[in-house]
């Protein structure tokens, strides 16, 4: 990724091109769902180790999707804040059926 995006509306279409492989999107969805479950466990138990588990689940799913299936480098390496937001928008679009998974 050589271009630096300054707005989310510019970045998100690029982000979707980096997730063209359906299996990559699925690993993102599974990892993000696991991260949400870990955060729920954190709230339920108060055990701070669930934060580590949430990060491992979320990033693990994304990295597996990119390195194994999509064969590209995660956009979060270059633009972490826009990528974090885009991941949750993509998650919501998959959850609501606006984006296939």
PDB file of N, CA and C in Angstrom:
ATOM      1  N   UNK A   1       0.845  -1.169   0.000  1.00  0.00           N
ATOM      2  CA  UNK A   1       0.000   0.000   0.000  1.00  0.00           C
ATOM      3  C   UNK A   1       0.892   1.233   0.000  1.00  0.00           C
ATOM      4  N   UNK A   2       0.838   1.985  -1.053  1.00  0.00           N
ATOM      5  CA  UNK A   2       1.688   3.170  -1.154  1.00  0.00           C
ATOM      6  C   UNK A   2       0.910   4.455  -0.924  1.00  0.00           C
ATOM      7  N   UNK A   3      -0.376   4.444  -1.198  1.00  0.00           N
ATOM      8  CA  UNK A   3      -1.172   5.658  -1.037  1.00  0.00           C
ATOM      9  C   UNK A   3      -1.643   5.810   0.402  1.00  0.00           C
ATOM     10  N   UNK A   4      -1.552   7.032   0.920  1.00  0.00           N
ATOM     11  CA  UNK A   4      -2.063   7.326   2.260  1.00  0.00           C
ATOM     12  C   UNK A   4      -3.439   7.945   2.104  1.00  0.00           C
ATOM     13  N   UNK A   5      -4.413   7.369   2.718  1.00  0.00           N
ATOM     14  CA  UNK A   5      -5.780   7.871   2.638  1.00  0.00           C
ATOM     15  C   UNK A   5      -6.037   8.816   3.800  1.00  0.00           C
ATOM     16  N   UNK A   6      -6.773   9.870   3.520  1.00  0.00           N
ATOM     17  CA  UNK A   6      -7.053  10.867   4.555  1.00  0.00           C
ATOM     18  C   UNK A   6      -8.481  10.808   5.053  1.00  0.00           C
ATOM     19  N   UNK A   7      -9.348  10.102   4.337  1.00  0.00           N
ATOM     20  CA  UNK A   7     -10.730   9.990   4.794  1.00  0.00           C
ATOM     21  C   UNK A   7     -11.185   8.536   4.699  1.00  0.00           C
ATOM     22  N   UNK A   8     -12.152   8.221   5.520  1.00  0.00           N
ATOM     23  CA  UNK A   8     -12.686   6.867   5.516  1.00  0.00           C
ATOM     24  C   UNK A   8     -13.398   6.567   4.198  1.00  0.00           C
ATOM     25  N   UNK A   9     -14.091   7.540   3.654  1.00  0.00           N
ATOM     26  CA  UNK A   9     -14.820   7.317   2.393  1.00  0.00           C
ATOM     27  C   UNK A   9     -13.873   7.006   1.238  1.00  0.00           C
ATOM     28  N   UNK A  10     -12.657   7.501   1.275  1.00  0.00           N
ATOM     29  CA  UNK A  10     -11.655   7.150   0.272  1.00  0.00           C
ATOM     30  C   UNK A  10     -11.041   5.785   0.568  1.00  0.00           C
ATOM     31  N   UNK A  11     -10.842   5.508   1.833  1.00  0.00           N
ATOM     32  CA  UNK A  11     -10.127   4.305   2.247  1.00  0.00           C
ATOM     33  C   UNK A  11     -10.962   3.034   2.097  1.00  0.00           C
ATOM     34  N   UNK A  12     -12.256   3.098   2.440  1.00  0.00           N
ATOM     35  CA  UNK A  12     -13.053   1.875   2.505  1.00  0.00           C
ATOM     36  C   UNK A  12     -13.130   1.114   1.182  1.00  0.00           C
ATOM     37  N   UNK A  13     -13.313   1.771   0.037  1.00  0.00           N
ATOM     38  CA  UNK A  13     -13.295   0.999  -1.221  1.00  0.00           C
ATOM     39  C   UNK A  13     -11.964   0.266  -1.443  1.00  0.00           C
ATOM     40  N   UNK A  14     -10.854   0.907  -1.103  1.00  0.00           N
ATOM     41  CA  UNK A  14      -9.559   0.235  -1.182  1.00  0.00           C
ATOM     42  C   UNK A  14      -9.532  -0.961  -0.231  1.00  0.00           C
ATOM     43  N   UNK A  15     -10.010  -0.761   0.988  1.00  0.00           N
ATOM     44  CA  UNK A  15     -10.029  -1.824   1.998  1.00  0.00           C
ATOM     45  C   UNK A  15     -10.763  -3.053   1.475  1.00  0.00           C
ATOM     46  N   UNK A  16     -11.898  -2.830   0.815  1.00  0.00           N
ATOM     47  CA  UNK A  16     -12.656  -3.962   0.287  1.00  0.00           C
ATOM     48  C   UNK A  16     -11.892  -4.705  -0.806  1.00  0.00           C
ATOM     49  N   UNK A  17     -11.078  -3.990  -1.589  1.00  0.00           N
ATOM     50  CA  UNK A  17     -10.275  -4.690  -2.611  1.00  0.00           C
ATOM     51  C   UNK A  17      -9.243  -5.602  -1.966  1.00  0.00           C
ATOM     52  N   UNK A  18      -8.843  -5.280  -0.767  1.00  0.00           N
ATOM     53  CA  UNK A  18      -7.869  -6.097  -0.038  1.00  0.00           C
ATOM     54  C   UNK A  18      -8.518  -7.296   0.642  1.00  0.00           C
ATOM     55  N   UNK A  19      -9.844  -7.406   0.493  1.00  0.00           N
ATOM     56  CA  UNK A  19     -10.611  -8.496   1.088  1.00  0.00           C
ATOM     57  C   UNK A  19     -11.507  -9.145   0.039  1.00  0.00           C
ATOM     58  N   UNK A  20     -10.988  -9.277  -1.173  1.00  0.00           N
ATOM     59  CA  UNK A  20     -11.761  -9.852  -2.271  1.00  0.00           C
ATOM     60  C   UNK A  20     -12.014 -11.342  -2.079  1.00  0.00           C
ATOM     61  N   UNK A  21     -11.100 -12.027  -1.436  1.00  0.00           N
ATOM     62  CA  UNK A  21     -11.228 -13.458  -1.194  1.00  0.00           C
ATOM     63  C   UNK A  21     -12.241 -13.692  -0.074  1.00  0.00           C
ATOM     64  N   UNK A  22     -13.270 -14.478  -0.375  1.00  0.00           N
ATOM     65  CA  UNK A  22     -14.332 -14.713   0.622  1.00  0.00           C
ATOM     66  C   UNK A  22     -13.807 -15.402   1.873  1.00  0.00           C
ATOM     67  N   UNK A  23     -12.834 -16.273   1.726  1.00  0.00           N
ATOM     68  CA  UNK A  23     -12.298 -16.958   2.910  1.00  0.00           C
ATOM     69  C   UNK A  23     -11.578 -15.949   3.805  1.00  0.00           C
ATOM     70  N   UNK A  24     -10.899 -14.985   3.213  1.00  0.00           N
ATOM     71  CA  UNK A  24     -10.265 -13.933   4.004  1.00  0.00           C
ATOM     72  C   UNK A  24     -11.321 -13.173   4.805  1.00  0.00           C
ATOM     73  N   UNK A  25     -12.421 -12.815   4.164  1.00  0.00           N
ATOM     74  CA  UNK A  25     -13.501 -12.110   4.878  1.00  0.00           C
ATOM     75  C   UNK A  25     -14.063 -12.987   5.994  1.00  0.00           C
ATOM     76  N   UNK A  26     -14.174 -14.263   5.727  1.00  0.00           N
ATOM     77  CA  UNK A  26     -14.699 -15.182   6.749  1.00  0.00           C
ATOM     78  C   UNK A  26     -13.762 -15.270   7.953  1.00  0.00           C
ATOM     79  N   UNK A  27     -12.451 -15.335   7.702  1.00  0.00           N
ATOM     80  CA  UNK A  27     -11.527 -15.397   8.842  1.00  0.00           C
ATOM     81  C   UNK A  27     -11.567 -14.098   9.645  1.00  0.00           C
ATOM     82  N   UNK A  28     -11.768 -12.972   8.954  1.00  0.00           N
ATOM     83  CA  UNK A  28     -11.961 -11.700   9.662  1.00  0.00           C
ATOM     84  C   UNK A  28     -13.204 -11.777  10.541  1.00  0.00           C
ATOM     85  N   UNK A  29     -14.299 -12.246   9.966  1.00  0.00           N
ATOM     86  CA  UNK A  29     -15.565 -12.305  10.689  1.00  0.00           C
ATOM     87  C   UNK A  29     -15.457 -13.220  11.915  1.00  0.00           C
ATOM     88  N   UNK A  30     -14.853 -14.369  11.729  1.00  0.00           N
ATOM     89  CA  UNK A  30     -14.691 -15.313  12.843  1.00  0.00           C
ATOM     90  C   UNK A  30     -13.792 -14.720  13.921  1.00  0.00           C
ATOM     91  N   UNK A  31     -12.681 -14.120  13.504  1.00  0.00           N
ATOM     92  CA  UNK A  31     -11.772 -13.506  14.475  1.00  0.00           C
ATOM     93  C   UNK A  31     -12.418 -12.355  15.226  1.00  0.00           C
ATOM     94  N   UNK A  32     -13.166 -11.521  14.517  1.00  0.00           N
ATOM     95  CA  UNK A  32     -13.846 -10.393  15.169  1.00  0.00           C
ATOM     96  C   UNK A  32     -14.939 -10.881  16.112  1.00  0.00           C
ATOM     97  N   UNK A  33     -15.657 -11.927  15.712  1.00  0.00           N
ATOM     98  CA  UNK A  33     -16.683 -12.507  16.593  1.00  0.00           C
ATOM     99  C   UNK A  33     -16.039 -13.068  17.859  1.00  0.00           C
ATOM    100  N   UNK A  34     -14.904 -13.719  17.681  1.00  0.00           N
ATOM    101  CA  UNK A  34     -14.173 -14.228  18.843  1.00  0.00           C
ATOM    102  C   UNK A  34     -13.712 -13.102  19.750  1.00  0.00           C
ATOM    103  N   UNK A  35     -13.263 -12.000  19.154  1.00  0.00           N
ATOM    104  CA  UNK A  35     -12.833 -10.847  19.949  1.00  0.00           C
ATOM    105  C   UNK A  35     -13.994 -10.287  20.748  1.00  0.00           C
ATOM    106  N   UNK A  36     -15.164 -10.197  20.136  1.00  0.00           N
ATOM    107  CA  UNK A  36     -16.341  -9.720  20.866  1.00  0.00           C
ATOM    108  C   UNK A  36     -16.703 -10.659  22.017  1.00  0.00           C
ATOM    109  N   UNK A  37     -16.600 -11.961  21.772  1.00  0.00           N
ATOM    110  CA  UNK A  37     -16.870 -12.933  22.839  1.00  0.00           C
ATOM    111  C   UNK A  37     -15.872 -12.778  23.987  1.00  0.00           C
ATOM    112  N   UNK A  38     -14.617 -12.536  23.648  1.00  0.00           N
ATOM    113  CA  UNK A  38     -13.594 -12.331  24.681  1.00  0.00           C
ATOM    114  C   UNK A  38     -13.870 -11.071  25.484  1.00  0.00           C
ATOM    115  N   UNK A  39     -14.324 -10.028  24.822  1.00  0.00           N
ATOM    116  CA  UNK A  39     -14.658  -8.790  25.551  1.00  0.00           C
ATOM    117  C   UNK A  39     -15.866  -8.997  26.453  1.00  0.00           C
ATOM    118  N   UNK A  40     -16.812  -9.811  26.011  1.00  0.00           N
ATOM    119  CA  UNK A  40     -17.950 -10.148  26.874  1.00  0.00           C
ATOM    120  C   UNK A  40     -17.465 -10.934  28.094  1.00  0.00           C
ATOM    121  N   UNK A  41     -16.518 -11.845  27.883  1.00  0.00           N
ATOM    122  CA  UNK A  41     -15.950 -12.604  28.999  1.00  0.00           C
ATOM    123  C   UNK A  41     -15.201 -11.683  29.953  1.00  0.00           C
ATOM    124  N   UNK A  42     -14.531 -10.674  29.415  1.00  0.00           N
ATOM    125  CA  UNK A  42     -13.852  -9.690  30.255  1.00  0.00           C
ATOM    126  C   UNK A  42     -14.845  -8.983  31.166  1.00  0.00           C
ATOM    127  N   UNK A  43     -15.946  -8.556  30.599  1.00  0.00           N
ATOM    128  CA  UNK A  43     -16.978  -7.864  31.384  1.00  0.00           C
ATOM    129  C   UNK A  43     -17.564  -8.811  32.436  1.00  0.00           C
ATOM    130  N   UNK A  44     -17.789 -10.057  32.048  1.00  0.00           N
ATOM    131  CA  UNK A  44     -18.406 -11.022  32.964  1.00  0.00           C
ATOM    132  C   UNK A  44     -17.487 -11.436  34.099  1.00  0.00           C
ATOM    133  N   UNK A  45     -16.190 -11.544  33.809  1.00  0.00           N
ATOM    134  CA  UNK A  45     -15.267 -12.091  34.812  1.00  0.00           C
ATOM    135  C   UNK A  45     -14.356 -11.052  35.448  1.00  0.00           C
ATOM    136  N   UNK A  46     -14.113  -9.953  34.739  1.00  0.00           N
ATOM    137  CA  UNK A  46     -13.166  -8.960  35.242  1.00  0.00           C
ATOM    138  C   UNK A  46     -11.716  -9.373  35.070  1.00  0.00           C
ATOM    139  N   UNK A  47     -11.492 -10.486  34.392  1.00  0.00           N
ATOM    140  CA  UNK A  47     -10.142 -10.993  34.187  1.00  0.00           C
ATOM    141  C   UNK A  47      -9.527 -10.282  32.975  1.00  0.00           C
ATOM    142  N   UNK A  48      -8.483  -9.505  33.209  1.00  0.00           N
ATOM    143  CA  UNK A  48      -7.867  -8.695  32.157  1.00  0.00           C
ATOM    144  C   UNK A  48      -7.196  -9.524  31.066  1.00  0.00           C
ATOM    145  N   UNK A  49      -6.943 -10.793  31.303  1.00  0.00           N
ATOM    146  CA  UNK A  49      -6.341 -11.634  30.270  1.00  0.00           C
ATOM    147  C   UNK A  49      -7.260 -11.787  29.063  1.00  0.00           C
ATOM    148  N   UNK A  50      -8.537 -11.527  29.238  1.00  0.00           N
ATOM    149  CA  UNK A  50      -9.456 -11.595  28.104  1.00  0.00           C
ATOM    150  C   UNK A  50      -9.139 -10.516  27.061  1.00  0.00           C
ATOM    151  N   UNK A  51      -8.500  -9.437  27.480  1.00  0.00           N
ATOM    152  CA  UNK A  51      -8.090  -8.411  26.515  1.00  0.00           C
ATOM    153  C   UNK A  51      -7.045  -8.997  25.564  1.00  0.00           C
ATOM    154  N   UNK A  52      -6.107  -9.725  26.114  1.00  0.00           N
ATOM    155  CA  UNK A  52      -5.082 -10.386  25.290  1.00  0.00           C
ATOM    156  C   UNK A  52      -5.741 -11.382  24.344  1.00  0.00           C
ATOM    157  N   UNK A  53      -6.672 -12.153  24.866  1.00  0.00           N
ATOM    158  CA  UNK A  53      -7.367 -13.138  24.038  1.00  0.00           C
ATOM    159  C   UNK A  53      -8.150 -12.454  22.914  1.00  0.00           C
ATOM    160  N   UNK A  54      -8.752 -11.305  23.207  1.00  0.00           N
ATOM    161  CA  UNK A  54      -9.495 -10.558  22.181  1.00  0.00           C
ATOM    162  C   UNK A  54      -8.566 -10.095  21.070  1.00  0.00           C
ATOM    163  N   UNK A  55      -7.399  -9.595  21.435  1.00  0.00           N
ATOM    164  CA  UNK A  55      -6.431  -9.145  20.434  1.00  0.00           C
ATOM    165  C   UNK A  55      -5.920 -10.310  19.589  1.00  0.00           C
ATOM    166  N   UNK A  56      -5.625 -11.418  20.228  1.00  0.00           N
ATOM    167  CA  UNK A  56      -5.147 -12.603  19.499  1.00  0.00           C
ATOM    168  C   UNK A  56      -6.225 -13.095  18.538  1.00  0.00           C
ATOM    169  N   UNK A  57      -7.456 -13.137  19.001  1.00  0.00           N
ATOM    170  CA  UNK A  57      -8.545 -13.602  18.148  1.00  0.00           C
ATOM    171  C   UNK A  57      -8.766 -12.667  16.966  1.00  0.00           C
ATOM    172  N   UNK A  58      -8.879 -11.385  17.233  1.00  0.00           N
ATOM    173  CA  UNK A  58      -9.149 -10.417  16.179  1.00  0.00           C
ATOM    174  C   UNK A  58      -8.041 -10.328  15.157  1.00  0.00           C
ATOM    175  N   UNK A  59      -6.830 -10.106  15.629  1.00  0.00           N
ATOM    176  CA  UNK A  59      -5.703  -9.995  14.694  1.00  0.00           C
ATOM    177  C   UNK A  59      -5.327 -11.341  14.100  1.00  0.00           C
ATOM    178  N   UNK A  60      -5.460 -12.398  14.869  1.00  0.00           N
ATOM    179  CA  UNK A  60      -5.145 -13.726  14.349  1.00  0.00           C
ATOM    180  C   UNK A  60      -6.018 -14.093  13.159  1.00  0.00           C
ATOM    181  N   UNK A  61      -7.316 -13.861  13.293  1.00  0.00           N
ATOM    182  CA  UNK A  61      -8.219 -14.140  12.182  1.00  0.00           C
ATOM    183  C   UNK A  61      -7.884 -13.324  10.950  1.00  0.00           C
ATOM    184  N   UNK A  62      -7.596 -12.049  11.167  1.00  0.00           N
ATOM    185  CA  UNK A  62      -7.273 -11.162  10.045  1.00  0.00           C
ATOM    186  C   UNK A  62      -5.959 -11.586   9.380  1.00  0.00           C
ATOM    187  N   UNK A  63      -4.946 -11.847  10.164  1.00  0.00           N
ATOM    188  CA  UNK A  63      -3.638 -12.180   9.596  1.00  0.00           C
ATOM    189  C   UNK A  63      -3.662 -13.518   8.869  1.00  0.00           C
ATOM    190  N   UNK A  64      -4.385 -14.481   9.409  1.00  0.00           N
ATOM    191  CA  UNK A  64      -4.519 -15.760   8.705  1.00  0.00           C
ATOM    192  C   UNK A  64      -5.189 -15.520   7.355  1.00  0.00           C
ATOM    193  N   UNK A  65      -6.246 -14.734   7.360  1.00  0.00           N
ATOM    194  CA  UNK A  65      -6.942 -14.438   6.117  1.00  0.00           C
ATOM    195  C   UNK A  65      -6.053 -13.775   5.079  1.00  0.00           C
ATOM    196  N   UNK A  66      -5.253 -12.827   5.518  1.00  0.00           N
ATOM    197  CA  UNK A  66      -4.397 -12.110   4.571  1.00  0.00           C
ATOM    198  C   UNK A  66      -3.203 -12.928   4.112  1.00  0.00           C
ATOM    199  N   UNK A  67      -2.471 -13.500   5.022  1.00  0.00           N
ATOM    200  CA  UNK A  67      -1.241 -14.189   4.651  1.00  0.00           C
ATOM    201  C   UNK A  67      -1.484 -15.544   3.997  1.00  0.00           C
ATOM    202  N   UNK A  68      -2.547 -16.243   4.404  1.00  0.00           N
ATOM    203  CA  UNK A  68      -2.796 -17.582   3.875  1.00  0.00           C
ATOM    204  C   UNK A  68      -3.697 -17.550   2.643  1.00  0.00           C
ATOM    205  N   UNK A  69      -4.768 -16.757   2.683  1.00  0.00           N
ATOM    206  CA  UNK A  69      -5.764 -16.819   1.607  1.00  0.00           C
ATOM    207  C   UNK A  69      -5.692 -15.647   0.629  1.00  0.00           C
ATOM    208  N   UNK A  70      -5.593 -14.451   1.130  1.00  0.00           N
ATOM    209  CA  UNK A  70      -5.590 -13.272   0.256  1.00  0.00           C
ATOM    210  C   UNK A  70      -4.214 -13.023  -0.352  1.00  0.00           C
ATOM    211  N   UNK A  71      -3.178 -13.493   0.343  1.00  0.00           N
ATOM    212  CA  UNK A  71      -1.787 -13.323  -0.108  1.00  0.00           C
ATOM    213  C   UNK A  71      -1.400 -11.844  -0.238  1.00  0.00           C
ATOM    214  N   UNK A  72      -1.821 -11.052   0.728  1.00  0.00           N
ATOM    215  CA  UNK A  72      -1.423  -9.647   0.754  1.00  0.00           C
ATOM    216  C   UNK A  72      -1.115  -9.229   2.187  1.00  0.00           C
ATOM    217  N   UNK A  73      -0.676  -8.025   2.335  1.00  0.00           N
ATOM    218  CA  UNK A  73      -0.296  -7.492   3.640  1.00  0.00           C
ATOM    219  C   UNK A  73      -1.486  -6.726   4.219  1.00  0.00           C
ATOM    220  N   UNK A  74      -1.844  -6.969   5.481  1.00  0.00           N
ATOM    221  CA  UNK A  74      -2.978  -6.269   6.065  1.00  0.00           C
ATOM    222  C   UNK A  74      -2.817  -4.746   5.998  1.00  0.00           C
ATOM    223  N   UNK A  75      -3.889  -4.068   5.659  1.00  0.00           N
ATOM    224  CA  UNK A  75      -3.874  -2.605   5.581  1.00  0.00           C
ATOM    225  C   UNK A  75      -3.614  -1.983   6.954  1.00  0.00           C
ATOM    226  N   UNK A  76      -3.853  -2.735   8.007  1.00  0.00           N
ATOM    227  CA  UNK A  76      -3.648  -2.204   9.362  1.00  0.00           C
ATOM    228  C   UNK A  76      -2.180  -1.886   9.631  1.00  0.00           C
ATOM    229  N   UNK A  77      -1.271  -2.482   8.865  1.00  0.00           N
ATOM    230  CA  UNK A  77       0.142  -2.171   9.053  1.00  0.00           C
ATOM    231  C   UNK A  77       0.439  -0.731   8.645  1.00  0.00           C
ATOM    232  N   UNK A  78      -0.255  -0.239   7.625  1.00  0.00           N
ATOM    233  CA  UNK A  78       0.003   1.116   7.116  1.00  0.00           C
ATOM    234  C   UNK A  78      -0.959   2.157   7.688  1.00  0.00           C
ATOM    235  N   UNK A  79      -2.221   1.786   7.868  1.00  0.00           N
ATOM    236  CA  UNK A  79      -3.221   2.736   8.355  1.00  0.00           C
ATOM    237  C   UNK A  79      -4.103   2.058   9.404  1.00  0.00           C
ATOM    238  N   UNK A  80      -3.590   1.917  10.613  1.00  0.00           N
ATOM    239  CA  UNK A  80      -4.286   1.121  11.625  1.00  0.00           C
ATOM    240  C   UNK A  80      -5.656   1.664  12.050  1.00  0.00           C
ATOM    241  N   UNK A  81      -5.814   2.958  12.187  1.00  0.00           N
ATOM    242  CA  UNK A  81      -7.101   3.481  12.653  1.00  0.00           C
ATOM    243  C   UNK A  81      -8.193   3.337  11.606  1.00  0.00           C
ATOM    244  N   UNK A  82      -7.877   3.677  10.360  1.00  0.00           N
ATOM    245  CA  UNK A  82      -8.857   3.495   9.293  1.00  0.00           C
ATOM    246  C   UNK A  82      -9.179   2.013   9.093  1.00  0.00           C
ATOM    247  N   UNK A  83      -8.185   1.166   9.226  1.00  0.00           N
ATOM    248  CA  UNK A  83      -8.391  -0.272   9.066  1.00  0.00           C
ATOM    249  C   UNK A  83      -9.262  -0.838  10.175  1.00  0.00           C
ATOM    250  N   UNK A  84      -9.059  -0.380  11.393  1.00  0.00           N
ATOM    251  CA  UNK A  84      -9.874  -0.850  12.517  1.00  0.00           C
ATOM    252  C   UNK A  84     -11.342  -0.498  12.274  1.00  0.00           C
ATOM    253  N   UNK A  85     -11.578   0.738  11.878  1.00  0.00           N
ATOM    254  CA  UNK A  85     -12.948   1.165  11.601  1.00  0.00           C
ATOM    255  C   UNK A  85     -13.525   0.367  10.420  1.00  0.00           C
ATOM    256  N   UNK A  86     -12.737   0.215   9.353  1.00  0.00           N
ATOM    257  CA  UNK A  86     -13.202  -0.504   8.168  1.00  0.00           C
ATOM    258  C   UNK A  86     -13.522  -1.958   8.493  1.00  0.00           C
ATOM    259  N   UNK A  87     -12.752  -2.569   9.372  1.00  0.00           N
ATOM    260  CA  UNK A  87     -13.005  -3.957   9.731  1.00  0.00           C
ATOM    261  C   UNK A  87     -14.384  -4.103  10.371  1.00  0.00           C
ATOM    262  N   UNK A  88     -14.754  -3.162  11.230  1.00  0.00           N
ATOM    263  CA  UNK A  88     -16.058  -3.247  11.884  1.00  0.00           C
ATOM    264  C   UNK A  88     -17.194  -2.891  10.945  1.00  0.00           C
ATOM    265  N   UNK A  89     -16.946  -2.002   9.997  1.00  0.00           N
ATOM    266  CA  UNK A  89     -17.961  -1.717   8.980  1.00  0.00           C
ATOM    267  C   UNK A  89     -18.168  -2.971   8.119  1.00  0.00           C
ATOM    268  N   UNK A  90     -17.070  -3.599   7.701  1.00  0.00           N
ATOM    269  CA  UNK A  90     -17.162  -4.829   6.915  1.00  0.00           C
ATOM    270  C   UNK A  90     -17.871  -5.917   7.718  1.00  0.00           C
ATOM    271  N   UNK A  91     -17.555  -6.038   8.992  1.00  0.00           N
ATOM    272  CA  UNK A  91     -18.196  -7.018   9.870  1.00  0.00           C
ATOM    273  C   UNK A  91     -19.703  -6.798   9.874  1.00  0.00           C
ATOM    274  N   UNK A  92     -20.120  -5.546  10.081  1.00  0.00           N
ATOM    275  CA  UNK A  92     -21.540  -5.218  10.130  1.00  0.00           C
ATOM    276  C   UNK A  92     -22.207  -5.519   8.784  1.00  0.00           C
ATOM    277  N   UNK A  93     -21.537  -5.190   7.693  1.00  0.00           N
ATOM    278  CA  UNK A  93     -22.109  -5.457   6.375  1.00  0.00           C
ATOM    279  C   UNK A  93     -22.250  -6.954   6.117  1.00  0.00           C
ATOM    280  N   UNK A  94     -21.325  -7.757   6.606  1.00  0.00           N
ATOM    281  CA  UNK A  94     -21.454  -9.205   6.469  1.00  0.00           C
ATOM    282  C   UNK A  94     -22.577  -9.719   7.356  1.00  0.00           C
ATOM    283  N   UNK A  95     -22.659  -9.200   8.570  1.00  0.00           N
ATOM    284  CA  UNK A  95     -23.686  -9.624   9.515  1.00  0.00           C
ATOM    285  C   UNK A  95     -25.087  -9.313   8.995  1.00  0.00           C
ATOM    286  N   UNK A  96     -25.237  -8.179   8.328  1.00  0.00           N
ATOM    287  CA  UNK A  96     -26.549  -7.755   7.836  1.00  0.00           C
ATOM    288  C   UNK A  96     -26.830  -8.182   6.393  1.00  0.00           C
ATOM    289  N   UNK A  97     -25.893  -8.889   5.762  1.00  0.00           N
ATOM    290  CA  UNK A  97     -26.107  -9.404   4.425  1.00  0.00           C
ATOM    291  C   UNK A  97     -25.806  -8.428   3.301  1.00  0.00           C
ATOM    292  N   UNK A  98     -25.257  -7.269   3.600  1.00  0.00           N
ATOM    293  CA  UNK A  98     -24.900  -6.303   2.567  1.00  0.00           C
ATOM    294  C   UNK A  98     -23.615  -6.686   1.849  1.00  0.00           C
ATOM    295  N   UNK A  99     -22.816  -7.538   2.455  1.00  0.00           N
ATOM    296  CA  UNK A  99     -21.566  -8.009   1.870  1.00  0.00           C
ATOM    297  C   UNK A  99     -21.528  -9.515   2.048  1.00  0.00           C
ATOM    298  N   UNK A 100     -21.270 -10.223   0.968  1.00  0.00           N
ATOM    299  CA  UNK A 100     -21.258 -11.690   1.065  1.00  0.00           C
ATOM    300  C   UNK A 100     -20.067 -12.160   1.883  1.00  0.00           C
ATOM    301  N   UNK A 101     -20.273 -13.291   2.507  1.00  0.00           N
ATOM    302  CA  UNK A 101     -19.173 -13.904   3.233  1.00  0.00           C
ATOM    303  C   UNK A 101     -19.253 -15.387   3.071  1.00  0.00           C
TER     304      UNK A 101
END
